[in-house]
Amino acid sequence: MAAKILIVEDEPAISEMVEMALSRANFEVVKATNAEEAILLLRDTLPALVLLDWMLPGTSGVEFARRIKKDGVTSHIPIIMLTAKGEEADKVYGLDAGADDYITKPFSPRELIARIRAVLRRAAPLAEQEIIEVDNLLLDTASHRISVNGELLELGPTEYRLLHFFMTHPERVYSRGQLLDSVWGSNVYVEERTVDVHIRRLRKALTPYGHERYVQTVRSAGYRFSTKV
C-alpha cells in the first residue's frame, strides 16, 4: 500500500509541483491549504508523513507542528518543514517544535523524495521488522504466521492485517475510519461497523491465550492496542 503524504501548503504552484513529484514516486497525496483543513485531514486520513509549509494563513507551520505533536492521535506522524528560511536558528526553531527534517526552498523534487523516504524509514522501524513480538505474541511478517509460546494462531487475512497494524502502532487510539484506511485501504468502501466485526473475531482468537485484553475499546474514540491493562 502506498504511503500517504499530507501536503500543507498555501502556494498553489509549490503544492502542485510537490504533488506531481510525490505521485510520480508512487506516494498517495492529500492536500490542505491551511491549518484548519489540515487538522481535519490528519484525523480522517492518518497520513504517514506531513509536508508542512513554515508560513500558513492564520498561523505558522511551527505552531501547527506543535499542535500535531501535542495530540495523542497524531503525535507519532513525522513532519518535514518546507521554508524559505535558511538560517541555522530558524532550522533549530523548527526542529525543536517537532519537525523531523527541514527543507529550504527552492528544492529539487529528487531531494524532496529522498528526504521523505529517509524520514519514513526512521519513523517506522517496527513495520520493517520481519519478527514483531509483544509479550509472548509473535508475528512473522515473512511467513505471515502468528504464534503464542510457539503455538500457531489461526487468523483470517483481515484479522492478520489488523493485528499487524496494531502491533506496529501500539499505545495509540485509532478511529474506525482510520483503521479502515490503514488496514482495508482508502479506496475500499465498506461500512465502519465492519471494523467491529473483525475486532470481535480478533479478540476471540486471542482469548485462549489471555491476549484479547490488549485490543482495547476507547469509548467514543475507537480502538487501541496496549499491554497496559
C-alpha atoms as a PDB file:
ATOM      1  CA  MET A   1       0.000   0.000   0.000  1.00  0.00           C
ATOM      2  CA  ALA A   2       1.417   3.427  -0.979  1.00  0.00           C
ATOM      3  CA  ALA A   3       2.388   5.709   1.886  1.00  0.00           C
ATOM      4  CA  LYS A   4       0.023   8.644   2.254  1.00  0.00           C
ATOM      5  CA  ILE A   5       1.567  12.132   2.435  1.00  0.00           C
ATOM      6  CA  LEU A   6      -0.297  15.246   3.589  1.00  0.00           C
ATOM      7  CA  ILE A   7       0.875  18.466   1.915  1.00  0.00           C
ATOM      8  CA  VAL A   8       0.057  21.619   3.898  1.00  0.00           C
ATOM      9  CA  GLU A   9       0.985  24.466   1.550  1.00  0.00           C
ATOM     10  CA  ASP A  10      -0.961  27.593   0.553  1.00  0.00           C
ATOM     11  CA  GLU A  11       1.054  28.439  -2.585  1.00  0.00           C
ATOM     12  CA  PRO A  12      -0.664  26.619  -5.487  1.00  0.00           C
ATOM     13  CA  ALA A  13       2.459  26.393  -7.674  1.00  0.00           C
ATOM     14  CA  ILE A  14       4.546  24.759  -4.959  1.00  0.00           C
ATOM     15  CA  SER A  15       1.687  22.488  -3.875  1.00  0.00           C
ATOM     16  CA  GLU A  16       1.156  21.259  -7.438  1.00  0.00           C
ATOM     17  CA  MET A  17       4.894  20.705  -8.002  1.00  0.00           C
ATOM     18  CA  VAL A  18       5.187  18.702  -4.787  1.00  0.00           C
ATOM     19  CA  GLU A  19       2.043  16.693  -5.571  1.00  0.00           C
ATOM     20  CA  MET A  20       3.372  15.800  -9.011  1.00  0.00           C
ATOM     21  CA  ALA A  21       6.731  14.700  -7.597  1.00  0.00           C
ATOM     22  CA  LEU A  22       5.080  12.558  -4.924  1.00  0.00           C
ATOM     23  CA  SER A  23       2.641  10.963  -7.356  1.00  0.00           C
ATOM     24  CA  ARG A  24       5.487  10.038  -9.716  1.00  0.00           C
ATOM     25  CA  ALA A  25       7.251   8.423  -6.752  1.00  0.00           C
ATOM     26  CA  ASN A  26       4.094   6.343  -6.080  1.00  0.00           C
ATOM     27  CA  PHE A  27       3.001   8.139  -2.920  1.00  0.00           C
ATOM     28  CA  GLU A  28      -0.663   8.807  -2.201  1.00  0.00           C
ATOM     29  CA  VAL A  29      -1.302  12.543  -1.752  1.00  0.00           C
ATOM     30  CA  VAL A  30      -3.805  14.577   0.256  1.00  0.00           C
ATOM     31  CA  LYS A  31      -3.609  18.369   0.376  1.00  0.00           C
ATOM     32  CA  ALA A  32      -4.608  21.258   2.617  1.00  0.00           C
ATOM     33  CA  THR A  33      -4.039  24.997   2.239  1.00  0.00           C
ATOM     34  CA  ASN A  34      -4.389  25.993   5.903  1.00  0.00           C
ATOM     35  CA  ALA A  35      -4.105  24.578   9.414  1.00  0.00           C
ATOM     36  CA  GLU A  36      -7.834  24.009   9.937  1.00  0.00           C
ATOM     37  CA  GLU A  37      -8.185  21.935   6.766  1.00  0.00           C
ATOM     38  CA  ALA A  38      -5.025  20.073   7.683  1.00  0.00           C
ATOM     39  CA  ILE A  39      -6.099  19.077  11.194  1.00  0.00           C
ATOM     40  CA  LEU A  40      -9.316  17.564   9.810  1.00  0.00           C
ATOM     41  CA  LEU A  41      -7.388  15.617   7.168  1.00  0.00           C
ATOM     42  CA  LEU A  42      -4.859  14.459   9.754  1.00  0.00           C
ATOM     43  CA  ARG A  43      -7.522  12.801  11.876  1.00  0.00           C
ATOM     44  CA  ASP A  44      -9.543  11.470   8.935  1.00  0.00           C
ATOM     45  CA  THR A  45      -6.702  10.055   6.814  1.00  0.00           C
ATOM     46  CA  LEU A  46      -3.846   9.491   9.300  1.00  0.00           C
ATOM     47  CA  PRO A  47      -1.036  10.136   6.790  1.00  0.00           C
ATOM     48  CA  ALA A  48       2.407   8.547   7.022  1.00  0.00           C
ATOM     49  CA  LEU A  49       4.080  11.976   6.893  1.00  0.00           C
ATOM     50  CA  VAL A  50       3.244  15.697   6.777  1.00  0.00           C
ATOM     51  CA  LEU A  51       4.972  18.188   4.473  1.00  0.00           C
ATOM     52  CA  LEU A  52       4.368  21.477   6.252  1.00  0.00           C
ATOM     53  CA  ASP A  53       4.963  24.999   4.980  1.00  0.00           C
ATOM     54  CA  TRP A  54       6.513  27.362   7.541  1.00  0.00           C
ATOM     55  CA  MET A  55       4.117  30.220   6.688  1.00  0.00           C
ATOM     56  CA  LEU A  56       0.398  29.410   6.675  1.00  0.00           C
ATOM     57  CA  PRO A  57      -2.704  31.635   6.635  1.00  0.00           C
ATOM     58  CA  GLY A  58      -3.698  32.463  10.209  1.00  0.00           C
ATOM     59  CA  THR A  59      -0.883  30.569  11.902  1.00  0.00           C
ATOM     60  CA  SER A  60       2.707  29.440  11.450  1.00  0.00           C
ATOM     61  CA  GLY A  61       3.826  25.994  10.440  1.00  0.00           C
ATOM     62  CA  VAL A  62       5.853  25.862  13.656  1.00  0.00           C
ATOM     63  CA  GLU A  63       2.753  26.391  15.794  1.00  0.00           C
ATOM     64  CA  PHE A  64       0.880  23.795  13.772  1.00  0.00           C
ATOM     65  CA  ALA A  65       3.741  21.312  14.207  1.00  0.00           C
ATOM     66  CA  ARG A  66       3.470  21.774  17.970  1.00  0.00           C
ATOM     67  CA  ARG A  67      -0.264  21.155  17.725  1.00  0.00           C
ATOM     68  CA  ILE A  68       0.324  17.887  15.853  1.00  0.00           C
ATOM     69  CA  LYS A  69       2.840  16.676  18.422  1.00  0.00           C
ATOM     70  CA  LYS A  70       0.596  17.513  21.388  1.00  0.00           C
ATOM     71  CA  ASP A  71      -2.301  15.431  20.024  1.00  0.00           C
ATOM     72  CA  GLY A  72      -2.079  11.801  21.132  1.00  0.00           C
ATOM     73  CA  VAL A  73      -3.643  10.584  17.880  1.00  0.00           C
ATOM     74  CA  THR A  74      -1.203  12.424  15.586  1.00  0.00           C
ATOM     75  CA  SER A  75       1.953  12.849  17.710  1.00  0.00           C
ATOM     76  CA  HIS A  76       3.692   9.903  16.018  1.00  0.00           C
ATOM     77  CA  ILE A  77       3.337  11.340  12.480  1.00  0.00           C
ATOM     78  CA  PRO A  78       6.687  12.675  11.187  1.00  0.00           C
ATOM     79  CA  ILE A  79       6.880  16.238   9.861  1.00  0.00           C
ATOM     80  CA  ILE A  80       9.114  17.816   7.226  1.00  0.00           C
ATOM     81  CA  MET A  81       9.120  21.623   7.211  1.00  0.00           C
ATOM     82  CA  LEU A  82       9.217  23.464   3.875  1.00  0.00           C
ATOM     83  CA  THR A  83      10.545  27.009   4.157  1.00  0.00           C
ATOM     84  CA  ALA A  84      12.481  29.826   2.548  1.00  0.00           C
ATOM     85  CA  LYS A  85      14.160  30.493   5.920  1.00  0.00           C
ATOM     86  CA  GLY A  86      17.672  29.086   5.670  1.00  0.00           C
ATOM     87  CA  GLU A  87      19.303  30.421   8.809  1.00  0.00           C
ATOM     88  CA  GLU A  88      20.563  27.903  11.351  1.00  0.00           C
ATOM     89  CA  ALA A  89      18.488  29.498  14.128  1.00  0.00           C
ATOM     90  CA  ASP A  90      15.310  29.013  12.076  1.00  0.00           C
ATOM     91  CA  LYS A  91      16.144  25.367  11.436  1.00  0.00           C
ATOM     92  CA  VAL A  92      16.739  24.750  15.129  1.00  0.00           C
ATOM     93  CA  TYR A  93      13.453  26.513  15.956  1.00  0.00           C
ATOM     94  CA  GLY A  94      11.527  24.274  13.549  1.00  0.00           C
ATOM     95  CA  LEU A  95      13.204  21.083  14.728  1.00  0.00           C
ATOM     96  CA  ASP A  96      12.581  21.997  18.364  1.00  0.00           C
ATOM     97  CA  ALA A  97       8.880  22.394  17.534  1.00  0.00           C
ATOM     98  CA  GLY A  98       8.725  18.738  16.490  1.00  0.00           C
ATOM     99  CA  ALA A  99       9.814  18.700  12.832  1.00  0.00           C
ATOM    100  CA  ASP A 100      11.817  15.628  11.805  1.00  0.00           C
ATOM    101  CA  ASP A 101      13.539  17.339   8.881  1.00  0.00           C
ATOM    102  CA  TYR A 102      13.799  20.740   7.235  1.00  0.00           C
ATOM    103  CA  ILE A 103      13.973  21.560   3.514  1.00  0.00           C
ATOM    104  CA  THR A 104      14.876  25.047   2.324  1.00  0.00           C
ATOM    105  CA  LYS A 105      13.134  26.443  -0.759  1.00  0.00           C
ATOM    106  CA  PRO A 106      13.865  26.189  -3.606  1.00  0.00           C
ATOM    107  CA  PHE A 107      14.427  22.447  -3.557  1.00  0.00           C
ATOM    108  CA  SER A 108      14.529  19.770  -6.236  1.00  0.00           C
ATOM    109  CA  PRO A 109      11.889  17.024  -6.453  1.00  0.00           C
ATOM    110  CA  ARG A 110      14.705  14.482  -6.227  1.00  0.00           C
ATOM    111  CA  GLU A 111      15.944  15.879  -2.913  1.00  0.00           C
ATOM    112  CA  LEU A 112      12.388  16.058  -1.555  1.00  0.00           C
ATOM    113  CA  ILE A 113      11.655  12.396  -2.347  1.00  0.00           C
ATOM    114  CA  ALA A 114      14.991  11.272  -0.890  1.00  0.00           C
ATOM    115  CA  ARG A 115      14.341  13.133   2.370  1.00  0.00           C
ATOM    116  CA  ILE A 116      10.774  11.804   2.629  1.00  0.00           C
ATOM    117  CA  ARG A 117      11.975   8.221   2.216  1.00  0.00           C
ATOM    118  CA  ALA A 118      14.721   8.730   4.785  1.00  0.00           C
ATOM    119  CA  VAL A 119      12.285  10.152   7.369  1.00  0.00           C
ATOM    120  CA  LEU A 120       9.769   7.355   6.738  1.00  0.00           C
ATOM    121  CA  ARG A 121      12.495   4.736   7.268  1.00  0.00           C
ATOM    122  CA  ARG A 122      13.417   6.312  10.599  1.00  0.00           C
ATOM    123  CA  ALA A 123       9.801   6.761  11.667  1.00  0.00           C
ATOM    124  CA  ALA A 124       8.570   3.204  11.112  1.00  0.00           C
ATOM    125  CA  PRO A 125      11.221   0.765  12.346  1.00  0.00           C
ATOM    126  CA  LEU A 126       8.622  -1.723  13.679  1.00  0.00           C
ATOM    127  CA  ALA A 127       6.842  -2.018  10.351  1.00  0.00           C
ATOM    128  CA  GLU A 128      10.145  -3.028   8.682  1.00  0.00           C
ATOM    129  CA  GLN A 129      10.943  -5.821  11.094  1.00  0.00           C
ATOM    130  CA  GLU A 130      10.279  -9.390   9.990  1.00  0.00           C
ATOM    131  CA  ILE A 131       9.585 -10.562  13.538  1.00  0.00           C
ATOM    132  CA  ILE A 132       7.364  -8.452  15.795  1.00  0.00           C
ATOM    133  CA  GLU A 133       6.878  -9.619  19.367  1.00  0.00           C
ATOM    134  CA  VAL A 134       4.617  -8.275  22.089  1.00  0.00           C
ATOM    135  CA  ASP A 135       4.717 -10.214  25.347  1.00  0.00           C
ATOM    136  CA  ASN A 136       4.713 -13.828  24.066  1.00  0.00           C
ATOM    137  CA  LEU A 137       2.659 -12.992  20.957  1.00  0.00           C
ATOM    138  CA  LEU A 138       4.889 -13.249  17.884  1.00  0.00           C
ATOM    139  CA  LEU A 139       4.070 -12.113  14.345  1.00  0.00           C
ATOM    140  CA  ASP A 140       6.324 -13.211  11.481  1.00  0.00           C
ATOM    141  CA  THR A 141       5.807 -10.864   8.521  1.00  0.00           C
ATOM    142  CA  ALA A 142       7.839 -13.043   6.140  1.00  0.00           C
ATOM    143  CA  SER A 143       5.726 -16.187   6.613  1.00  0.00           C
ATOM    144  CA  HIS A 144       2.516 -14.404   7.726  1.00  0.00           C
ATOM    145  CA  ARG A 145       2.409 -16.698  10.751  1.00  0.00           C
ATOM    146  CA  ILE A 146       1.361 -15.739  14.259  1.00  0.00           C
ATOM    147  CA  SER A 147       2.219 -17.769  17.305  1.00  0.00           C
ATOM    148  CA  VAL A 148       1.861 -17.664  21.080  1.00  0.00           C
ATOM    149  CA  ASN A 149       4.539 -19.538  23.026  1.00  0.00           C
ATOM    150  CA  GLY A 150       5.349 -21.430  19.838  1.00  0.00           C
ATOM    151  CA  GLU A 151       1.739 -22.462  19.171  1.00  0.00           C
ATOM    152  CA  LEU A 152       0.412 -21.290  15.808  1.00  0.00           C
ATOM    153  CA  LEU A 153      -2.594 -18.981  15.913  1.00  0.00           C
ATOM    154  CA  GLU A 154      -5.085 -19.240  13.041  1.00  0.00           C
ATOM    155  CA  LEU A 155      -6.324 -15.857  11.772  1.00  0.00           C
ATOM    156  CA  GLY A 156      -8.162 -14.755   8.653  1.00  0.00           C
ATOM    157  CA  PRO A 157      -6.349 -12.348   6.292  1.00  0.00           C
ATOM    158  CA  THR A 158      -8.208  -9.279   7.556  1.00  0.00           C
ATOM    159  CA  GLU A 159      -7.610 -10.164  11.210  1.00  0.00           C
ATOM    160  CA  TYR A 160      -3.928 -10.721  10.370  1.00  0.00           C
ATOM    161  CA  ARG A 161      -3.626  -7.258   8.791  1.00  0.00           C
ATOM    162  CA  LEU A 162      -5.495  -5.717  11.717  1.00  0.00           C
ATOM    163  CA  LEU A 163      -3.214  -7.373  14.279  1.00  0.00           C
ATOM    164  CA  HIS A 164      -0.124  -6.419  12.271  1.00  0.00           C
ATOM    165  CA  PHE A 165      -1.247  -2.792  12.204  1.00  0.00           C
ATOM    166  CA  PHE A 166      -1.958  -2.796  15.934  1.00  0.00           C
ATOM    167  CA  MET A 167       1.356  -4.441  16.854  1.00  0.00           C
ATOM    168  CA  THR A 168       3.324  -1.938  14.770  1.00  0.00           C
ATOM    169  CA  HIS A 169       1.305   1.035  16.064  1.00  0.00           C
ATOM    170  CA  PRO A 170       0.836   0.317  19.780  1.00  0.00           C
ATOM    171  CA  GLU A 171      -0.404   2.653  22.509  1.00  0.00           C
ATOM    172  CA  ARG A 172      -2.332   4.919  20.130  1.00  0.00           C
ATOM    173  CA  VAL A 173      -6.055   5.357  19.648  1.00  0.00           C
ATOM    174  CA  TYR A 174      -7.442   4.877  16.131  1.00  0.00           C
ATOM    175  CA  SER A 175     -10.972   5.620  14.997  1.00  0.00           C
ATOM    176  CA  ARG A 176     -12.879   3.115  12.867  1.00  0.00           C
ATOM    177  CA  GLY A 177     -12.346   5.341   9.839  1.00  0.00           C
ATOM    178  CA  GLN A 178      -8.599   5.470  10.421  1.00  0.00           C
ATOM    179  CA  LEU A 179      -8.448   1.691  10.775  1.00  0.00           C
ATOM    180  CA  LEU A 180     -10.431   1.265   7.552  1.00  0.00           C
ATOM    181  CA  ASP A 181      -7.977   3.497   5.678  1.00  0.00           C
ATOM    182  CA  SER A 182      -4.893   1.862   7.190  1.00  0.00           C
ATOM    183  CA  VAL A 183      -5.947  -1.807   7.109  1.00  0.00           C
ATOM    184  CA  TRP A 184      -8.504  -2.037   4.284  1.00  0.00           C
ATOM    185  CA  GLY A 185      -7.176   0.878   2.212  1.00  0.00           C
ATOM    186  CA  SER A 186      -8.687   4.260   1.378  1.00  0.00           C
ATOM    187  CA  ASN A 187     -10.076   3.003  -1.958  1.00  0.00           C
ATOM    188  CA  VAL A 188     -12.156   0.240  -0.366  1.00  0.00           C
ATOM    189  CA  TYR A 189     -15.705   1.280   0.533  1.00  0.00           C
ATOM    190  CA  VAL A 190     -17.097  -0.659   3.483  1.00  0.00           C
ATOM    191  CA  GLU A 191     -19.162   0.316   6.496  1.00  0.00           C
ATOM    192  CA  GLU A 192     -17.248   1.483   9.567  1.00  0.00           C
ATOM    193  CA  ARG A 193     -19.053  -1.150  11.653  1.00  0.00           C
ATOM    194  CA  THR A 194     -17.182  -3.758   9.626  1.00  0.00           C
ATOM    195  CA  VAL A 195     -14.225  -2.906  11.847  1.00  0.00           C
ATOM    196  CA  ASP A 196     -16.186  -4.007  14.923  1.00  0.00           C
ATOM    197  CA  VAL A 197     -16.885  -7.418  13.377  1.00  0.00           C
ATOM    198  CA  HIS A 198     -13.204  -8.082  12.722  1.00  0.00           C
ATOM    199  CA  ILE A 199     -12.189  -6.734  16.130  1.00  0.00           C
ATOM    200  CA  ARG A 200     -14.544  -9.282  17.707  1.00  0.00           C
ATOM    201  CA  ARG A 201     -13.024 -12.071  15.599  1.00  0.00           C
ATOM    202  CA  LEU A 202      -9.506 -10.988  16.520  1.00  0.00           C
ATOM    203  CA  ARG A 203     -10.345 -10.863  20.217  1.00  0.00           C
ATOM    204  CA  LYS A 204     -11.965 -14.311  20.036  1.00  0.00           C
ATOM    205  CA  ALA A 205      -8.798 -15.761  18.507  1.00  0.00           C
ATOM    206  CA  LEU A 206      -6.631 -14.144  21.208  1.00  0.00           C
ATOM    207  CA  THR A 207      -8.884 -15.096  24.129  1.00  0.00           C
ATOM    208  CA  PRO A 208      -7.492 -18.615  24.806  1.00  0.00           C
ATOM    209  CA  TYR A 209      -4.100 -17.015  25.445  1.00  0.00           C
ATOM    210  CA  GLY A 210      -5.372 -14.081  27.523  1.00  0.00           C
ATOM    211  CA  HIS A 211      -4.271 -11.538  24.920  1.00  0.00           C
ATOM    212  CA  GLU A 212      -7.729 -10.225  23.980  1.00  0.00           C
ATOM    213  CA  ARG A 213      -7.251  -7.567  26.680  1.00  0.00           C
ATOM    214  CA  TYR A 214      -4.573  -5.922  24.529  1.00  0.00           C
ATOM    215  CA  VAL A 215      -7.228  -4.909  21.942  1.00  0.00           C
ATOM    216  CA  GLN A 216      -8.960  -2.167  23.888  1.00  0.00           C
ATOM    217  CA  THR A 217     -12.096  -0.176  23.135  1.00  0.00           C
ATOM    218  CA  VAL A 218     -11.750   3.540  23.813  1.00  0.00           C
ATOM    219  CA  ARG A 219     -15.240   4.907  24.262  1.00  0.00           C
ATOM    220  CA  SER A 220     -16.341   7.484  21.646  1.00  0.00           C
ATOM    221  CA  ALA A 221     -12.901   7.310  20.025  1.00  0.00           C
ATOM    222  CA  GLY A 222     -12.072   3.883  18.601  1.00  0.00           C
ATOM    223  CA  TYR A 223      -9.587   1.145  19.423  1.00  0.00           C
ATOM    224  CA  ARG A 224      -6.105   0.877  20.878  1.00  0.00           C
ATOM    225  CA  PHE A 225      -3.569  -1.955  21.143  1.00  0.00           C
ATOM    226  CA  SER A 226      -1.875  -1.747  24.520  1.00  0.00           C
ATOM    227  CA  THR A 227      -0.219  -4.076  27.024  1.00  0.00           C
ATOM    228  CA  LYS A 228      -1.053  -1.565  29.757  1.00  0.00           C
ATOM    229  CA  VAL A 229      -4.226  -3.028  31.223  1.00  0.00           C
END
